[in-house]
Amino acid sequence: MGAREQVDNFYRFATERLRNSSSELSVDELYDQWRIENPSSAQQADDLAAIYVSLEDFKQGERGRPDGETTQRLREEFGIRSPE
């Protein structure tokens, strides 16, 4: 997809979001939303590779970490208090 087509697609996306949004969105927020819904080919390839690695890890018995453990580690790392 060429740059012209990407810009046209983003314009249509942004116009529709602004028309249907109850809050004012910035251009950065619109672009972030558009990128999430329209990842580049490179991003799709990276995501697919990560999924395959995770599946292989799972087959080898890796089960990851409990969600609460990871959340707590990130809170400590970034100095964020736990919600009360």
N, C-alpha and C. Protein backbone atom coordinates (compact mmCIF):
# COMPACT_ATOMS: atom_id res chain seq x y z
N MET A 1 0.86 -1.17 0.00
CA MET A 1 0.00 0.00 0.00
C MET A 1 0.91 1.23 0.00
N GLY A 2 0.64 2.14 -0.89
CA GLY A 2 1.44 3.35 -1.00
C GLY A 2 1.06 4.39 0.04
N ALA A 3 1.92 5.39 0.15
CA ALA A 3 1.71 6.46 1.14
C ALA A 3 0.40 7.20 0.89
N ARG A 4 0.08 7.47 -0.36
CA ARG A 4 -1.15 8.20 -0.69
C ARG A 4 -2.38 7.43 -0.19
N GLU A 5 -2.38 6.13 -0.43
CA GLU A 5 -3.51 5.29 0.00
C GLU A 5 -3.59 5.23 1.53
N GLN A 6 -2.44 5.16 2.20
CA GLN A 6 -2.43 5.15 3.66
C GLN A 6 -2.99 6.45 4.23
N VAL A 7 -2.59 7.57 3.66
CA VAL A 7 -3.10 8.87 4.12
C VAL A 7 -4.60 8.95 3.89
N ASP A 8 -5.06 8.50 2.74
CA ASP A 8 -6.51 8.52 2.47
C ASP A 8 -7.26 7.64 3.46
N ASN A 9 -6.70 6.46 3.75
CA ASN A 9 -7.35 5.56 4.72
C ASN A 9 -7.38 6.18 6.11
N PHE A 10 -6.26 6.80 6.50
CA PHE A 10 -6.23 7.45 7.82
C PHE A 10 -7.24 8.59 7.87
N TYR A 11 -7.33 9.37 6.83
CA TYR A 11 -8.28 10.49 6.79
C TYR A 11 -9.71 9.97 6.99
N ARG A 12 -10.07 8.91 6.26
CA ARG A 12 -11.42 8.35 6.42
C ARG A 12 -11.65 7.83 7.84
N PHE A 13 -10.65 7.13 8.37
CA PHE A 13 -10.73 6.60 9.73
C PHE A 13 -10.92 7.73 10.74
N ALA A 14 -10.05 8.76 10.65
CA ALA A 14 -10.09 9.86 11.61
C ALA A 14 -11.40 10.63 11.52
N THR A 15 -11.86 10.88 10.31
CA THR A 15 -13.12 11.60 10.12
C THR A 15 -14.28 10.84 10.76
N GLU A 16 -14.30 9.54 10.54
CA GLU A 16 -15.37 8.71 11.11
C GLU A 16 -15.29 8.69 12.64
N ARG A 17 -14.10 8.54 13.20
CA ARG A 17 -13.94 8.53 14.65
C ARG A 17 -14.37 9.86 15.26
N LEU A 18 -13.97 10.96 14.65
CA LEU A 18 -14.34 12.27 15.18
C LEU A 18 -15.85 12.49 15.11
N ARG A 19 -16.46 11.99 14.08
CA ARG A 19 -17.91 12.13 13.91
C ARG A 19 -18.66 11.33 14.98
N ASN A 20 -18.11 10.17 15.36
CA ASN A 20 -18.81 9.27 16.28
C ASN A 20 -18.31 9.33 17.72
N SER A 21 -17.35 10.20 18.01
CA SER A 21 -16.78 10.26 19.35
C SER A 21 -17.48 11.31 20.19
N SER A 22 -17.71 10.95 21.44
CA SER A 22 -18.33 11.92 22.35
C SER A 22 -17.28 12.84 22.98
N SER A 23 -16.00 12.45 22.88
CA SER A 23 -14.93 13.28 23.43
C SER A 23 -14.02 13.75 22.30
N GLU A 24 -13.30 14.81 22.57
CA GLU A 24 -12.36 15.35 21.59
C GLU A 24 -11.10 14.51 21.60
N LEU A 25 -10.71 13.99 20.46
CA LEU A 25 -9.50 13.19 20.35
C LEU A 25 -8.41 13.99 19.66
N SER A 26 -7.18 13.81 20.13
CA SER A 26 -6.05 14.49 19.49
C SER A 26 -5.63 13.70 18.24
N VAL A 27 -4.84 14.33 17.41
CA VAL A 27 -4.32 13.66 16.23
C VAL A 27 -3.48 12.46 16.65
N ASP A 28 -2.69 12.62 17.71
CA ASP A 28 -1.86 11.51 18.20
C ASP A 28 -2.73 10.33 18.65
N GLU A 29 -3.81 10.61 19.35
CA GLU A 29 -4.71 9.54 19.80
C GLU A 29 -5.36 8.85 18.61
N LEU A 30 -5.79 9.63 17.64
CA LEU A 30 -6.38 9.06 16.43
C LEU A 30 -5.38 8.17 15.70
N TYR A 31 -4.15 8.67 15.57
CA TYR A 31 -3.12 7.90 14.88
C TYR A 31 -2.81 6.60 15.62
N ASP A 32 -2.71 6.67 16.95
CA ASP A 32 -2.46 5.46 17.75
C ASP A 32 -3.56 4.44 17.54
N GLN A 33 -4.81 4.89 17.56
CA GLN A 33 -5.94 3.97 17.33
C GLN A 33 -5.87 3.37 15.93
N TRP A 34 -5.55 4.20 14.95
CA TRP A 34 -5.47 3.73 13.57
C TRP A 34 -4.35 2.70 13.41
N ARG A 35 -3.20 2.95 14.04
CA ARG A 35 -2.07 2.03 13.95
C ARG A 35 -2.42 0.68 14.58
N ILE A 36 -3.16 0.72 15.69
CA ILE A 36 -3.57 -0.54 16.33
C ILE A 36 -4.46 -1.34 15.40
N GLU A 37 -5.38 -0.66 14.74
CA GLU A 37 -6.32 -1.34 13.85
C GLU A 37 -5.76 -1.60 12.46
N ASN A 38 -4.66 -0.94 12.12
CA ASN A 38 -4.06 -1.08 10.79
C ASN A 38 -2.54 -1.24 10.91
N PRO A 39 -2.09 -2.35 11.48
CA PRO A 39 -0.66 -2.52 11.68
C PRO A 39 0.08 -2.65 10.35
N SER A 40 1.34 -2.25 10.34
CA SER A 40 2.17 -2.38 9.15
C SER A 40 2.48 -3.86 8.92
N SER A 41 2.93 -4.20 7.74
CA SER A 41 3.32 -5.57 7.43
C SER A 41 4.42 -6.04 8.36
N ALA A 42 5.37 -5.15 8.65
CA ALA A 42 6.47 -5.50 9.55
C ALA A 42 5.94 -5.78 10.96
N GLN A 43 4.99 -4.97 11.43
CA GLN A 43 4.42 -5.18 12.76
C GLN A 43 3.65 -6.50 12.80
N GLN A 44 2.90 -6.80 11.75
CA GLN A 44 2.18 -8.06 11.70
C GLN A 44 3.13 -9.24 11.73
N ALA A 45 4.25 -9.15 11.00
CA ALA A 45 5.24 -10.23 10.99
C ALA A 45 5.86 -10.40 12.37
N ASP A 46 6.19 -9.29 13.03
CA ASP A 46 6.75 -9.35 14.40
C ASP A 46 5.76 -9.98 15.37
N ASP A 47 4.49 -9.58 15.28
CA ASP A 47 3.47 -10.14 16.17
C ASP A 47 3.29 -11.63 15.94
N LEU A 48 3.27 -12.04 14.67
CA LEU A 48 3.11 -13.46 14.35
C LEU A 48 4.30 -14.27 14.86
N ALA A 49 5.50 -13.74 14.69
CA ALA A 49 6.70 -14.42 15.19
C ALA A 49 6.63 -14.58 16.71
N ALA A 50 6.19 -13.54 17.41
CA ALA A 50 6.07 -13.60 18.87
C ALA A 50 5.05 -14.66 19.29
N ILE A 51 3.97 -14.78 18.54
CA ILE A 51 2.96 -15.80 18.85
C ILE A 51 3.55 -17.19 18.69
N TYR A 52 4.30 -17.41 17.59
CA TYR A 52 4.92 -18.72 17.38
C TYR A 52 5.91 -19.07 18.49
N VAL A 53 6.71 -18.10 18.91
CA VAL A 53 7.65 -18.33 20.00
C VAL A 53 6.89 -18.69 21.28
N SER A 54 5.81 -17.97 21.56
CA SER A 54 5.01 -18.25 22.75
C SER A 54 4.40 -19.64 22.70
N LEU A 55 3.92 -20.04 21.53
CA LEU A 55 3.35 -21.38 21.39
C LEU A 55 4.40 -22.46 21.62
N GLU A 56 5.60 -22.23 21.10
CA GLU A 56 6.68 -23.19 21.33
C GLU A 56 7.04 -23.26 22.82
N ASP A 57 7.10 -22.10 23.47
CA ASP A 57 7.37 -22.07 24.91
C ASP A 57 6.29 -22.86 25.67
N PHE A 58 5.04 -22.65 25.29
CA PHE A 58 3.93 -23.35 25.94
C PHE A 58 4.07 -24.86 25.75
N LYS A 59 4.43 -25.29 24.54
CA LYS A 59 4.61 -26.72 24.27
C LYS A 59 5.74 -27.31 25.11
N GLN A 60 6.73 -26.49 25.45
CA GLN A 60 7.86 -26.93 26.27
C GLN A 60 7.58 -26.85 27.76
N GLY A 61 6.36 -26.44 28.12
CA GLY A 61 5.97 -26.43 29.53
C GLY A 61 5.97 -25.06 30.19
N GLU A 62 6.42 -24.02 29.47
CA GLU A 62 6.43 -22.67 30.04
C GLU A 62 4.99 -22.17 30.16
N ARG A 63 4.61 -21.75 31.34
CA ARG A 63 3.25 -21.29 31.57
C ARG A 63 3.17 -19.81 31.91
N GLY A 64 4.30 -19.11 31.86
CA GLY A 64 4.29 -17.68 32.12
C GLY A 64 4.22 -17.37 33.61
N ARG A 65 3.83 -16.14 33.88
CA ARG A 65 3.71 -15.67 35.26
C ARG A 65 2.27 -15.28 35.53
N PRO A 66 1.84 -15.42 36.77
CA PRO A 66 0.50 -14.95 37.12
C PRO A 66 0.39 -13.44 36.87
N ASP A 67 -0.75 -13.00 36.41
CA ASP A 67 -0.97 -11.60 36.08
C ASP A 67 -0.64 -10.67 37.24
N GLY A 68 -1.08 -10.99 38.41
CA GLY A 68 -0.84 -10.14 39.57
C GLY A 68 0.64 -9.96 39.87
N GLU A 69 1.43 -11.00 39.64
CA GLU A 69 2.87 -10.92 39.89
C GLU A 69 3.53 -9.93 38.93
N THR A 70 3.17 -10.00 37.68
CA THR A 70 3.73 -9.09 36.68
C THR A 70 3.29 -7.66 36.95
N THR A 71 2.03 -7.48 37.27
CA THR A 71 1.50 -6.15 37.55
C THR A 71 2.23 -5.54 38.75
N GLN A 72 2.42 -6.32 39.80
CA GLN A 72 3.11 -5.82 40.99
C GLN A 72 4.55 -5.44 40.66
N ARG A 73 5.24 -6.25 39.88
CA ARG A 73 6.63 -5.96 39.50
C ARG A 73 6.71 -4.65 38.72
N LEU A 74 5.77 -4.43 37.80
CA LEU A 74 5.76 -3.19 37.03
C LEU A 74 5.45 -1.99 37.92
N ARG A 75 4.53 -2.15 38.86
CA ARG A 75 4.22 -1.06 39.78
C ARG A 75 5.47 -0.67 40.59
N GLU A 76 6.19 -1.66 41.07
CA GLU A 76 7.40 -1.38 41.84
C GLU A 76 8.46 -0.71 40.95
N GLU A 77 8.62 -1.22 39.75
CA GLU A 77 9.64 -0.70 38.83
C GLU A 77 9.39 0.77 38.48
N PHE A 78 8.12 1.13 38.30
CA PHE A 78 7.79 2.50 37.89
C PHE A 78 7.27 3.37 39.03
N GLY A 79 7.30 2.85 40.25
CA GLY A 79 6.90 3.64 41.41
C GLY A 79 5.42 4.00 41.42
N ILE A 80 4.58 3.07 41.00
CA ILE A 80 3.13 3.31 40.96
C ILE A 80 2.50 2.62 42.16
N ARG A 81 1.71 3.38 42.90
CA ARG A 81 1.02 2.79 44.06
C ARG A 81 -0.11 1.87 43.59
N SER A 82 -0.36 0.85 44.37
CA SER A 82 -1.49 -0.04 44.09
C SER A 82 -2.80 0.69 44.38
N PRO A 83 -3.84 0.44 43.59
CA PRO A 83 -5.12 1.06 43.88
C PRO A 83 -5.68 0.55 45.20
N GLU A 84 -6.28 1.40 45.93
CA GLU A 84 -6.82 1.05 47.24
C GLU A 84 -8.17 0.45 47.13
